[in-house]
PDB file of N, CA and C in Angstrom:
ATOM      1  N   MET A   1      18.248 -98.806  89.116  1.00  0.00           N
ATOM      2  CA  MET A   1      17.358 -98.160  89.348  1.00  0.00           C
ATOM      3  C   MET A   1      15.584 -98.922  90.088  1.00  0.00           C
ATOM      4  N   ASN A   2      14.468 -98.479  90.653  1.00  0.00           N
ATOM      5  CA  ASN A   2      13.792 -98.869  90.499  1.00  0.00           C
ATOM      6  C   ASN A   2      12.105 -97.871  89.576  1.00  0.00           C
ATOM      7  N   TYR A   3      11.131 -98.983  89.431  1.00  0.00           N
ATOM      8  CA  TYR A   3      10.338 -98.164  89.364  1.00  0.00           C
ATOM      9  C   TYR A   3       8.732 -99.136  89.678  1.00  0.00           C
ATOM     10  N   SER A   4       7.888 -97.947  89.332  1.00  0.00           N
ATOM     11  CA  SER A   4       6.416 -98.907  89.554  1.00  0.00           C
ATOM     12  C   SER A   4       5.818 -97.695  88.504  1.00  0.00           C
ATOM     13  N   SER A   5       4.553 -99.046  87.472  1.00  0.00           N
ATOM     14  CA  SER A   5       3.456 -98.508  86.814  1.00  0.00           C
ATOM     15  C   SER A   5       2.215 -97.741  87.589  1.00  0.00           C
ATOM     16  N   ARG A   6       1.388 -96.772  86.778  1.00  0.00           N
ATOM     17  CA  ARG A   6       0.476 -96.872  88.214  1.00  0.00           C
ATOM     18  C   ARG A   6      -0.420 -95.295  86.919  1.00  0.00           C
ATOM     19  N   GLU A   7      -1.798 -95.455  87.242  1.00  0.00           N
ATOM     20  CA  GLU A   7      -2.427 -94.605  85.981  1.00  0.00           C
ATOM     21  C   GLU A   7      -2.699 -93.507  87.143  1.00  0.00           C
ATOM     22  N   TYR A   8      -2.815 -92.460  86.458  1.00  0.00           N
ATOM     23  CA  TYR A   8      -3.681 -91.191  87.203  1.00  0.00           C
ATOM     24  C   TYR A   8      -5.175 -90.357  86.213  1.00  0.00           C
ATOM     25  N   GLU A   9      -5.782 -90.285  86.917  1.00  0.00           N
ATOM     26  CA  GLU A   9      -7.208 -89.213  85.565  1.00  0.00           C
ATOM     27  C   GLU A   9      -6.325 -90.174  84.083  1.00  0.00           C
ATOM     28  N   GLY A  10      -6.540 -90.933  83.482  1.00  0.00           N
ATOM     29  CA  GLY A  10      -6.524 -91.806  81.879  1.00  0.00           C
ATOM     30  C   GLY A  10      -4.904 -90.964  82.134  1.00  0.00           C
ATOM     31  N   SER A  11      -3.805 -91.091  83.011  1.00  0.00           N
ATOM     32  CA  SER A  11      -2.526 -90.482  82.396  1.00  0.00           C
ATOM     33  C   SER A  11      -1.666 -91.836  83.139  1.00  0.00           C
ATOM     34  N   ARG A  12      -0.821 -92.295  82.456  1.00  0.00           N
ATOM     35  CA  ARG A  12       0.383 -93.505  82.694  1.00  0.00           C
ATOM     36  C   ARG A  12       1.496 -92.468  83.371  1.00  0.00           C
ATOM     37  N   VAL A  13       1.794 -92.693  84.821  1.00  0.00           N
ATOM     38  CA  VAL A  13       2.654 -92.212  85.814  1.00  0.00           C
ATOM     39  C   VAL A  13       3.373 -93.385  86.220  1.00  0.00           C
ATOM     40  N   LEU A  14       5.178 -92.989  85.954  1.00  0.00           N
ATOM     41  CA  LEU A  14       6.274 -94.249  86.072  1.00  0.00           C
ATOM     42  C   LEU A  14       6.425 -93.565  87.070  1.00  0.00           C
ATOM     43  N   ASP A  15       6.834 -94.133  88.354  1.00  0.00           N
ATOM     44  CA  ASP A  15       7.657 -93.718  89.422  1.00  0.00           C
ATOM     45  C   ASP A  15       8.550 -94.467  89.545  1.00  0.00           C
ATOM     46  N   LEU A  16       9.895 -93.222  90.238  1.00  0.00           N
ATOM     47  CA  LEU A  16      11.361 -94.479  89.854  1.00  0.00           C
ATOM     48  C   LEU A  16      12.073 -94.069  91.140  1.00  0.00           C
ATOM     49  N   THR A  17      12.729 -95.183  91.796  1.00  0.00           N
ATOM     50  CA  THR A  17      13.488 -94.909  92.944  1.00  0.00           C
ATOM     51  C   THR A  17      15.035 -95.781  92.863  1.00  0.00           C
ATOM     52  N   GLY A  18      15.968 -94.900  93.173  1.00  0.00           N
ATOM     53  CA  GLY A  18      17.230 -94.910  92.778  1.00  0.00           C
ATOM     54  C   GLY A  18      18.232 -93.315  91.622  1.00  0.00           C
ATOM     55  N   ASN A  19      18.735 -94.036  91.022  1.00  0.00           N
ATOM     56  CA  ASN A  19      19.875 -93.233  90.725  1.00  0.00           C
ATOM     57  C   ASN A  19      19.695 -93.211  88.486  1.00  0.00           C
ATOM     58  N   LEU A  20      19.981 -92.251  87.997  1.00  0.00           N
ATOM     59  CA  LEU A  20      19.729 -92.273  86.174  1.00  0.00           C
ATOM     60  C   LEU A  20      21.269 -91.765  86.435  1.00  0.00           C
ATOM     61  N   THR A  21      21.682 -92.961  85.556  1.00  0.00           N
ATOM     62  CA  THR A  21      22.978 -92.954  85.338  1.00  0.00           C
ATOM     63  C   THR A  21      23.510 -93.566  83.841  1.00  0.00           C
ATOM     64  N   VAL A  22      24.277 -93.837  83.236  1.00  0.00           N
ATOM     65  CA  VAL A  22      24.881 -94.154  82.803  1.00  0.00           C
ATOM     66  C   VAL A  22      24.765 -95.984  82.390  1.00  0.00           C
ATOM     67  N   ASN A  23      24.669 -96.746  84.298  1.00  0.00           N
ATOM     68  CA  ASN A  23      24.708 -97.312  84.380  1.00  0.00           C
ATOM     69  C   ASN A  23      23.017 -98.429  84.625  1.00  0.00           C
ATOM     70  N   THR A  24      22.219 -97.517  84.416  1.00  0.00           N
ATOM     71  CA  THR A  24      20.819 -97.470  84.483  1.00  0.00           C
ATOM     72  C   THR A  24      20.043 -96.714  83.634  1.00  0.00           C
ATOM     73  N   ILE A  25      20.465 -96.051  82.048  1.00  0.00           N
ATOM     74  CA  ILE A  25      19.368 -95.608  80.813  1.00  0.00           C
ATOM     75  C   ILE A  25      19.071 -96.710  80.253  1.00  0.00           C
ATOM     76  N   THR A  26      20.445 -97.507  80.119  1.00  0.00           N
ATOM     77  CA  THR A  26      19.344 -98.856  78.604  1.00  0.00           C
ATOM     78  C   THR A  26      18.400 -99.073  79.025  1.00  0.00           C
ATOM     79  N   ALA A  27      18.466-100.136  79.832  1.00  0.00           N
ATOM     80  CA  ALA A  27      16.503-100.304  81.102  1.00  0.00           C
ATOM     81  C   ALA A  27      15.337 -99.284  80.776  1.00  0.00           C
ATOM     82  N   PHE A  28      16.290 -98.577  81.733  1.00  0.00           N
ATOM     83  CA  PHE A  28      15.360 -97.028  81.420  1.00  0.00           C
ATOM     84  C   PHE A  28      14.378 -96.827  79.879  1.00  0.00           C
ATOM     85  N   THR A  29      15.372 -96.085  78.931  1.00  0.00           N
ATOM     86  CA  THR A  29      15.581 -95.757  77.855  1.00  0.00           C
ATOM     87  C   THR A  29      14.276 -96.826  77.109  1.00  0.00           C
ATOM     88  N   GLY A  30      14.480 -97.739  77.029  1.00  0.00           N
ATOM     89  CA  GLY A  30      14.024 -99.305  76.766  1.00  0.00           C
ATOM     90  C   GLY A  30      12.619 -99.589  77.928  1.00  0.00           C
ATOM     91  N   MET A  31      12.076 -98.914  78.550  1.00  0.00           N
ATOM     92  CA  MET A  31      11.045 -99.665  78.901  1.00  0.00           C
ATOM     93  C   MET A  31       9.645 -98.079  78.812  1.00  0.00           C
ATOM     94  N   VAL A  32      10.654 -96.911  78.705  1.00  0.00           N
ATOM     95  CA  VAL A  32       9.960 -95.693  78.517  1.00  0.00           C
ATOM     96  C   VAL A  32      10.114 -96.170  77.028  1.00  0.00           C
ATOM     97  N   ASN A  33      10.374 -96.084  76.195  1.00  0.00           N
ATOM     98  CA  ASN A  33      10.152 -96.280  75.065  1.00  0.00           C
ATOM     99  C   ASN A  33       8.773 -96.770  74.437  1.00  0.00           C
ATOM    100  N   SER A  34       8.474 -98.342  75.779  1.00  0.00           N
ATOM    101  CA  SER A  34       7.413 -99.418  75.203  1.00  0.00           C
ATOM    102  C   SER A  34       6.302 -98.310  75.697  1.00  0.00           C
ATOM    103  N   ILE A  35       6.592 -98.103  76.163  1.00  0.00           N
ATOM    104  CA  ILE A  35       5.216 -97.183  77.422  1.00  0.00           C
ATOM    105  C   ILE A  35       4.407 -96.082  75.942  1.00  0.00           C
ATOM    106  N   THR A  36       5.937 -95.182  75.901  1.00  0.00           N
ATOM    107  CA  THR A  36       5.041 -94.639  74.408  1.00  0.00           C
ATOM    108  C   THR A  36       4.981 -94.410  73.507  1.00  0.00           C
ATOM    109  N   ASP A  37       5.098 -96.525  73.297  1.00  0.00           N
ATOM    110  CA  ASP A  37       4.203 -97.253  71.819  1.00  0.00           C
ATOM    111  C   ASP A  37       2.891 -96.508  71.711  1.00  0.00           C
ATOM    112  N   LYS A  38       2.370 -96.510  72.953  1.00  0.00           N
ATOM    113  CA  LYS A  38       0.617 -97.255  73.616  1.00  0.00           C
ATOM    114  C   LYS A  38       0.499 -95.495  74.176  1.00  0.00           C
ATOM    115  N   GLU A  39       0.932 -94.382  74.940  1.00  0.00           N
ATOM    116  CA  GLU A  39       0.941 -94.003  75.366  1.00  0.00           C
ATOM    117  C   GLU A  39       1.836 -92.691  76.273  1.00  0.00           C
ATOM    118  N   SER A  40       1.548 -91.403  76.335  1.00  0.00           N
ATOM    119  CA  SER A  40       2.228 -90.953  77.176  1.00  0.00           C
ATOM    120  C   SER A  40       2.392 -90.706  78.437  1.00  0.00           C
ATOM    121  N   VAL A  41       3.876 -89.958  79.080  1.00  0.00           N
ATOM    122  CA  VAL A  41       3.754 -90.657  80.637  1.00  0.00           C
ATOM    123  C   VAL A  41       4.794 -89.879  81.065  1.00  0.00           C
ATOM    124  N   MET A  42       4.021 -89.695  82.816  1.00  0.00           N
ATOM    125  CA  MET A  42       4.642 -88.239  83.073  1.00  0.00           C
ATOM    126  C   MET A  42       5.725 -89.476  84.179  1.00  0.00           C
ATOM    127  N   ILE A  43       6.725 -89.001  84.145  1.00  0.00           N
ATOM    128  CA  ILE A  43       7.733 -89.865  85.382  1.00  0.00           C
ATOM    129  C   ILE A  43       8.184 -89.006  86.439  1.00  0.00           C
ATOM    130  N   ASN A  44       7.675 -89.898  87.497  1.00  0.00           N
ATOM    131  CA  ASN A  44       8.086 -89.261  88.559  1.00  0.00           C
ATOM    132  C   ASN A  44       8.953 -88.918  88.990  1.00  0.00           C
ATOM    133  N   MET A  45      10.033 -87.715  88.939  1.00  0.00           N
ATOM    134  CA  MET A  45      10.822 -88.036  89.400  1.00  0.00           C
ATOM    135  C   MET A  45      11.973 -88.008  90.889  1.00  0.00           C
ATOM    136  N   GLU A  46      10.738 -87.039  91.620  1.00  0.00           N
ATOM    137  CA  GLU A  46      10.631 -87.086  93.097  1.00  0.00           C
ATOM    138  C   GLU A  46      11.551 -87.620  94.390  1.00  0.00           C
ATOM    139  N   ASN A  47      12.055 -89.085  93.300  1.00  0.00           N
ATOM    140  CA  ASN A  47      12.555 -90.154  94.594  1.00  0.00           C
ATOM    141  C   ASN A  47      13.943 -90.477  93.552  1.00  0.00           C
ATOM    142  N   VAL A  48      14.690 -89.600  92.262  1.00  0.00           N
ATOM    143  CA  VAL A  48      15.605 -90.192  92.549  1.00  0.00           C
ATOM    144  C   VAL A  48      16.705 -89.626  92.796  1.00  0.00           C
ATOM    145  N   GLY A  49      18.141 -90.284  93.780  1.00  0.00           N
ATOM    146  CA  GLY A  49      19.055 -89.447  93.872  1.00  0.00           C
ATOM    147  C   GLY A  49      20.103 -89.029  93.632  1.00  0.00           C
ATOM    148  N   VAL A  50      20.713 -89.876  91.666  1.00  0.00           N
ATOM    149  CA  VAL A  50      22.035 -89.168  91.256  1.00  0.00           C
ATOM    150  C   VAL A  50      21.089 -88.595  89.694  1.00  0.00           C
ATOM    151  N   ILE A  51      21.536 -88.303  89.355  1.00  0.00           N
ATOM    152  CA  ILE A  51      20.862 -87.585  87.842  1.00  0.00           C
ATOM    153  C   ILE A  51      22.189 -86.829  86.619  1.00  0.00           C
ATOM    154  N   THR A  52      23.269 -88.430  86.265  1.00  0.00           N
ATOM    155  CA  THR A  52      24.524 -87.462  85.783  1.00  0.00           C
ATOM    156  C   THR A  52      23.440 -87.053  84.420  1.00  0.00           C
ATOM    157  N   SER A  53      25.082 -86.046  83.751  1.00  0.00           N
ATOM    158  CA  SER A  53      24.277 -85.691  82.298  1.00  0.00           C
ATOM    159  C   SER A  53      24.014 -86.736  81.356  1.00  0.00           C
ATOM    160  N   ALA A  54      24.192 -88.221  81.670  1.00  0.00           N
ATOM    161  CA  ALA A  54      23.880 -89.358  80.910  1.00  0.00           C
ATOM    162  C   ALA A  54      22.558 -89.747  80.763  1.00  0.00           C
ATOM    163  N   GLY A  55      21.789 -89.585  81.852  1.00  0.00           N
ATOM    164  CA  GLY A  55      21.085 -89.695  82.651  1.00  0.00           C
ATOM    165  C   GLY A  55      19.374 -88.382  81.682  1.00  0.00           C
ATOM    166  N   LEU A  56      20.969 -86.915  82.408  1.00  0.00           N
ATOM    167  CA  LEU A  56      19.842 -86.395  81.150  1.00  0.00           C
ATOM    168  C   LEU A  56      19.771 -86.713  79.789  1.00  0.00           C
ATOM    169  N   GLN A  57      20.267 -87.145  79.235  1.00  0.00           N
ATOM    170  CA  GLN A  57      20.866 -87.110  78.102  1.00  0.00           C
ATOM    171  C   GLN A  57      19.926 -88.198  77.826  1.00  0.00           C
ATOM    172  N   ALA A  58      19.835 -89.304  78.523  1.00  0.00           N
ATOM    173  CA  ALA A  58      18.403 -90.513  78.758  1.00  0.00           C
ATOM    174  C   ALA A  58      16.535 -89.328  78.504  1.00  0.00           C
ATOM    175  N   LEU A  59      17.254 -89.115  79.252  1.00  0.00           N
ATOM    176  CA  LEU A  59      15.282 -87.962  79.560  1.00  0.00           C
ATOM    177  C   LEU A  59      15.445 -87.782  77.888  1.00  0.00           C
ATOM    178  N   ILE A  60      16.193 -86.563  77.793  1.00  0.00           N
ATOM    179  CA  ILE A  60      15.444 -85.956  76.286  1.00  0.00           C
ATOM    180  C   ILE A  60      15.377 -86.527  74.788  1.00  0.00           C
ATOM    181  N   GLU A  61      16.463 -87.261  74.815  1.00  0.00           N
ATOM    182  CA  GLU A  61      16.441 -88.932  74.150  1.00  0.00           C
ATOM    183  C   GLU A  61      14.306 -90.252  74.160  1.00  0.00           C
ATOM    184  N   ILE A  62      14.926 -90.276  75.265  1.00  0.00           N
ATOM    185  CA  ILE A  62      13.069 -90.576  75.065  1.00  0.00           C
ATOM    186  C   ILE A  62      11.688 -89.761  74.890  1.00  0.00           C
ATOM    187  N   SER A  63      12.248 -87.900  74.971  1.00  0.00           N
ATOM    188  CA  SER A  63      11.129 -87.418  74.858  1.00  0.00           C
ATOM    189  C   SER A  63      11.056 -87.220  73.377  1.00  0.00           C
ATOM    190  N   PHE A  64      11.910 -86.715  72.629  1.00  0.00           N
ATOM    191  CA  PHE A  64      11.868 -86.576  71.421  1.00  0.00           C
ATOM    192  C   PHE A  64      11.682 -88.179  70.507  1.00  0.00           C
ATOM    193  N   VAL A  65      11.820 -89.177  71.068  1.00  0.00           N
ATOM    194  CA  VAL A  65      11.102 -90.494  70.391  1.00  0.00           C
ATOM    195  C   VAL A  65       9.435 -90.716  70.725  1.00  0.00           C
ATOM    196  N   ALA A  66       9.209 -89.866  71.762  1.00  0.00           N
ATOM    197  CA  ALA A  66       7.509 -89.888  71.759  1.00  0.00           C
ATOM    198  C   ALA A  66       7.725 -88.626  71.390  1.00  0.00           C
ATOM    199  N   LYS A  67       7.891 -87.407  71.068  1.00  0.00           N
ATOM    200  CA  LYS A  67       7.036 -86.101  69.962  1.00  0.00           C
ATOM    201  C   LYS A  67       6.800 -87.331  68.135  1.00  0.00           C
ATOM    202  N   GLU A  68       7.962 -87.861  68.418  1.00  0.00           N
ATOM    203  CA  GLU A  68       7.673 -88.632  67.396  1.00  0.00           C
ATOM    204  C   GLU A  68       6.438 -89.478  66.569  1.00  0.00           C
ATOM    205  N   LYS A  69       6.509 -89.915  67.979  1.00  0.00           N
ATOM    206  CA  LYS A  69       5.026 -90.282  68.375  1.00  0.00           C
ATOM    207  C   LYS A  69       3.895 -90.137  67.815  1.00  0.00           C
ATOM    208  N   GLU A  70       4.042 -88.174  68.062  1.00  0.00           N
ATOM    209  CA  GLU A  70       2.410 -87.846  69.561  1.00  0.00           C
ATOM    210  C   GLU A  70       1.819 -88.355  69.897  1.00  0.00           C
ATOM    211  N   ARG A  71       3.298 -89.188  71.024  1.00  0.00           N
ATOM    212  CA  ARG A  71       3.275 -89.176  72.360  1.00  0.00           C
ATOM    213  C   ARG A  71       4.214 -87.688  73.926  1.00  0.00           C
ATOM    214  N   ARG A  72       4.267 -87.596  75.314  1.00  0.00           N
ATOM    215  CA  ARG A  72       5.248 -86.767  75.717  1.00  0.00           C
ATOM    216  C   ARG A  72       4.995 -87.670  76.770  1.00  0.00           C
ATOM    217  N   VAL A  73       6.643 -86.272  77.230  1.00  0.00           N
ATOM    218  CA  VAL A  73       6.951 -87.147  78.696  1.00  0.00           C
ATOM    219  C   VAL A  73       7.435 -85.924  79.185  1.00  0.00           C
ATOM    220  N   VAL A  74       6.668 -86.019  80.636  1.00  0.00           N
ATOM    221  CA  VAL A  74       6.760 -84.761  81.499  1.00  0.00           C
ATOM    222  C   VAL A  74       6.880 -85.431  82.741  1.00  0.00           C
ATOM    223  N   ILE A  75       7.942 -84.836  82.908  1.00  0.00           N
ATOM    224  CA  ILE A  75       9.331 -85.682  84.095  1.00  0.00           C
ATOM    225  C   ILE A  75       8.112 -84.417  85.747  1.00  0.00           C
ATOM    226  N   LEU A  76       7.294 -84.932  86.535  1.00  0.00           N
ATOM    227  CA  LEU A  76       7.355 -84.803  87.675  1.00  0.00           C
ATOM    228  C   LEU A  76       7.975 -84.305  88.717  1.00  0.00           C
ATOM    229  N   TRP A  77       8.230 -83.308  89.581  1.00  0.00           N
ATOM    230  CA  TRP A  77       9.016 -83.146  90.340  1.00  0.00           C
ATOM    231  C   TRP A  77      10.000 -82.945  90.657  1.00  0.00           C
ATOM    232  N   PRO A  78      10.681 -82.323  88.807  1.00  0.00           N
ATOM    233  CA  PRO A  78      12.201 -82.671  89.064  1.00  0.00           C
ATOM    234  C   PRO A  78      12.980 -82.015  90.389  1.00  0.00           C
ATOM    235  N   GLY A  79      14.137 -82.066  90.609  1.00  0.00           N
ATOM    236  CA  GLY A  79      15.107 -81.911  92.331  1.00  0.00           C
ATOM    237  C   GLY A  79      15.522 -80.758  91.072  1.00  0.00           C
ATOM    238  N   ASP A  80      16.041 -79.811  92.058  1.00  0.00           N
ATOM    239  CA  ASP A  80      17.417 -78.472  91.670  1.00  0.00           C
ATOM    240  C   ASP A  80      18.197 -79.262  90.620  1.00  0.00           C
ATOM    241  N   GLU A  81      18.614 -81.016  91.182  1.00  0.00           N
ATOM    242  CA  GLU A  81      19.563 -81.013  90.785  1.00  0.00           C
ATOM    243  C   GLU A  81      20.011 -81.090  89.317  1.00  0.00           C
ATOM    244  N   LEU A  82      18.242 -81.735  89.216  1.00  0.00           N
ATOM    245  CA  LEU A  82      18.273 -81.641  87.247  1.00  0.00           C
ATOM    246  C   LEU A  82      17.507 -80.657  86.318  1.00  0.00           C
ATOM    247  N   MET A  83      17.357 -79.588  87.266  1.00  0.00           N
ATOM    248  CA  MET A  83      17.302 -78.907  86.667  1.00  0.00           C
ATOM    249  C   MET A  83      17.980 -77.638  86.781  1.00  0.00           C
ATOM    250  N   ASN A  84      19.461 -77.427  87.712  1.00  0.00           N
ATOM    251  CA  ASN A  84      20.292 -76.645  86.943  1.00  0.00           C
ATOM    252  C   ASN A  84      21.310 -77.601  86.000  1.00  0.00           C
ATOM    253  N   LEU A  85      21.429 -79.150  85.794  1.00  0.00           N
ATOM    254  CA  LEU A  85      21.910 -79.498  85.177  1.00  0.00           C
ATOM    255  C   LEU A  85      21.533 -79.355  83.722  1.00  0.00           C
ATOM    256  N   ALA A  86      20.159 -79.736  83.571  1.00  0.00           N
ATOM    257  CA  ALA A  86      19.025 -79.258  82.095  1.00  0.00           C
ATOM    258  C   ALA A  86      19.852 -77.302  81.498  1.00  0.00           C
ATOM    259  N   GLU A  87      19.553 -77.352  82.713  1.00  0.00           N
ATOM    260  CA  GLU A  87      19.903 -74.984  82.319  1.00  0.00           C
ATOM    261  C   GLU A  87      21.321 -75.399  82.379  1.00  0.00           C
ATOM    262  N   ALA A  88      22.638 -75.316  82.716  1.00  0.00           N
ATOM    263  CA  ALA A  88      23.763 -75.527  82.659  1.00  0.00           C
ATOM    264  C   ALA A  88      23.553 -75.949  81.346  1.00  0.00           C
ATOM    265  N   MET A  89      23.062 -77.570  80.706  1.00  0.00           N
ATOM    266  CA  MET A  89      23.454 -78.097  79.461  1.00  0.00           C
ATOM    267  C   MET A  89      22.733 -78.160  78.141  1.00  0.00           C
ATOM    268  N   GLY A  90      22.191 -76.409  78.694  1.00  0.00           N
ATOM    269  CA  GLY A  90      21.045 -75.495  77.264  1.00  0.00           C
ATOM    270  C   GLY A  90      20.561 -76.869  76.553  1.00  0.00           C
ATOM    271  N   VAL A  91      20.144 -77.811  77.566  1.00  0.00           N
ATOM    272  CA  VAL A  91      18.421 -78.155  76.847  1.00  0.00           C
ATOM    273  C   VAL A  91      17.527 -78.171  77.541  1.00  0.00           C
ATOM    274  N   TYR A  92      16.740 -77.355  78.922  1.00  0.00           N
ATOM    275  CA  TYR A  92      16.013 -77.088  80.082  1.00  0.00           C
ATOM    276  C   TYR A  92      14.991 -77.784  78.379  1.00  0.00           C
ATOM    277  N   HIS A  93      14.540 -75.924  77.463  1.00  0.00           N
ATOM    278  CA  HIS A  93      13.563 -76.345  76.023  1.00  0.00           C
ATOM    279  C   HIS A  93      13.448 -77.275  75.408  1.00  0.00           C
ATOM    280  N   ASN A  94      14.085 -78.552  76.024  1.00  0.00           N
ATOM    281  CA  ASN A  94      14.086 -79.661  75.270  1.00  0.00           C
ATOM    282  C   ASN A  94      13.108 -81.139  75.838  1.00  0.00           C
ATOM    283  N   LEU A  95      12.825 -80.272  77.652  1.00  0.00           N
ATOM    284  CA  LEU A  95      11.975 -81.511  78.294  1.00  0.00           C
ATOM    285  C   LEU A  95      10.819 -80.493  78.879  1.00  0.00           C
ATOM    286  N   ILE A  96       9.576 -81.032  79.391  1.00  0.00           N
ATOM    287  CA  ILE A  96       8.597 -80.157  79.937  1.00  0.00           C
ATOM    288  C   ILE A  96       8.796 -80.528  80.874  1.00  0.00           C
ATOM    289  N   PHE A  97       8.647 -80.157  82.197  1.00  0.00           N
ATOM    290  CA  PHE A  97       8.792 -80.055  83.631  1.00  0.00           C
ATOM    291  C   PHE A  97       7.367 -79.702  84.357  1.00  0.00           C
ATOM    292  N   ALA A  98       6.730 -80.412  84.973  1.00  0.00           N
ATOM    293  CA  ALA A  98       5.490 -80.392  86.353  1.00  0.00           C
ATOM    294  C   ALA A  98       5.886 -80.838  87.368  1.00  0.00           C
ATOM    295  N   GLN A  99       5.096 -80.152  88.859  1.00  0.00           N
ATOM    296  CA  GLN A  99       5.228 -79.624  89.250  1.00  0.00           C
ATOM    297  C   GLN A  99       4.415 -80.571  90.193  1.00  0.00           C
ATOM    298  N   SER A 100       2.860 -81.446  89.530  1.00  0.00           N
ATOM    299  CA  SER A 100       2.312 -82.157  89.934  1.00  0.00           C
ATOM    300  C   SER A 100       1.303 -83.146  89.311  1.00  0.00           C
ATOM    301  N   LEU A 101       0.727 -83.732  89.901  1.00  0.00           N
ATOM    302  CA  LEU A 101      -0.020 -84.675  88.136  1.00  0.00           C
ATOM    303  C   LEU A 101      -0.905 -83.977  88.196  1.00  0.00           C
ATOM    304  N   GLU A 102      -1.788 -82.891  88.510  1.00  0.00           N
ATOM    305  CA  GLU A 102      -2.717 -82.419  87.519  1.00  0.00           C
ATOM    306  C   GLU A 102      -2.524 -81.918  86.854  1.00  0.00           C
ATOM    307  N   GLU A 103      -0.872 -80.855  86.957  1.00  0.00           N
ATOM    308  CA  GLU A 103      -0.089 -79.642  85.245  1.00  0.00           C
ATOM    309  C   GLU A 103       0.477 -80.955  84.606  1.00  0.00           C
ATOM    310  N   GLY A 104       0.744 -81.790  85.522  1.00  0.00           N
ATOM    311  CA  GLY A 104       1.095 -83.226  83.943  1.00  0.00           C
ATOM    312  C   GLY A 104       0.320 -83.089  82.896  1.00  0.00           C
ATOM    313  N   CYS A 105      -0.831 -84.067  83.763  1.00  0.00           N
ATOM    314  CA  CYS A 105      -1.891 -84.308  82.857  1.00  0.00           C
ATOM    315  C   CYS A 105      -2.656 -83.024  81.763  1.00  0.00           C
ATOM    316  N   THR A 106      -2.557 -81.945  82.154  1.00  0.00           N
ATOM    317  CA  THR A 106      -2.919 -80.923  81.332  1.00  0.00           C
ATOM    318  C   THR A 106      -1.421 -80.959  79.835  1.00  0.00           C
ATOM    319  N   LYS A 107      -0.665 -81.073  80.538  1.00  0.00           N
ATOM    320  CA  LYS A 107       0.505 -80.508  79.164  1.00  0.00           C
ATOM    321  C   LYS A 107       0.898 -81.303  78.645  1.00  0.00           C
ATOM    322  N   ILE A 108       0.516 -83.079  78.974  1.00  0.00           N
ATOM    323  CA  ILE A 108      -0.369 -84.038  78.307  1.00  0.00           C
ATOM    324  C   ILE A 108      -0.859 -84.071  77.513  1.00  0.00           C
ATOM    325  N   ARG A 109      -2.311 -83.311  77.899  1.00  0.00           N
ATOM    326  CA  ARG A 109      -3.368 -82.784  76.751  1.00  0.00           C
ATOM    327  C   ARG A 109      -3.380 -81.635  75.366  1.00  0.00           C
ATOM    328  N   TYR A 110      -2.690 -81.188  76.615  1.00  0.00           N
ATOM    329  CA  TYR A 110      -2.459 -79.187  75.308  1.00  0.00           C
ATOM    330  C   TYR A 110      -1.046 -79.224  74.790  1.00  0.00           C
ATOM    331  N   PHE A 111      -0.040 -79.809  75.233  1.00  0.00           N
ATOM    332  CA  PHE A 111       1.711 -79.554  75.153  1.00  0.00           C
ATOM    333  C   PHE A 111       1.877 -79.713  73.367  1.00  0.00           C
ATOM    334  N   THR A 112       2.374 -79.260  72.508  1.00  0.00           N
ATOM    335  CA  THR A 112       2.356 -78.851  70.999  1.00  0.00           C
ATOM    336  C   THR A 112       4.468 -79.101  71.385  1.00  0.00           C
TER     337      THR A 112
END
């Protein structure tokens, strides 16, 4: 998995490319947890090919850890595969989804 980080209107955006699987979650969760030590983050899933149940579990974990630090993790542009997996596993309500950077910024500011 490859990533780059940028800022959008005062919010951190993490652009991912690759797959979110058991082979990539350790580095991914460490990176996101270090970001949420300082600020909330929007994770751009637009170029993520495969997301396994382990990858989804990692997204839930980083979301809970961020919330404990009074930060938010927003999932940008989730694909149908991720949405269907989250619904099938009954964890959809544990994540914050957005379809645009503007929506993501709003959810970071106001989602509790």
